[in-house]
Amino acid sequence: QVHLVESGGGLVQAGGSLRLSCAASGRTFNTVRMGWFRQAPGKEREFVAAVGWSGTTTRYADSVKGRSTISRDNTKNMVYLQMNSLTIEDTAVYYCAASRDVTFLGSVNPNNYKYWGQGTQVTVSS
């Protein structure tokens, strides 16, 4: 069982930055792949980024590639998403997700994740 709690969301101006955090419970945190997803009003949940259990393997959606960094600290059971150069299109609820069974190729599919946080709202203003 993995319990996830996101934090770090808020209101930011376009062009600004945010760092989202995800605190995970569970003794086997370092065996799970972690992902960030987001969902805007009226839209489906979409993949943002994923990181492997060791932190060395990462994957990004094209929409955030080059301006976002996902990282994890297994000593603290934490996952982070640093987002820069934010635009209005980044406005959404951001969710942290975890799964032991998801593969690298499958990491973009939210259906492959077993555990989810409650989400944190990110609002980018013009």
Foldseek 3Di string as FASTA:
>chain_A
DKAKAKDWADEAAAQAKTKIKIAIDDPVLLLKKKFKWWDDPPGDIWGAKIAHSVFPDMDGDPVQPPFWDWGDDPVRRMIMIMGGRDDQVVWTWMKMFIDNPADPVRRGDPVRTDYIYPTDTHGYHD
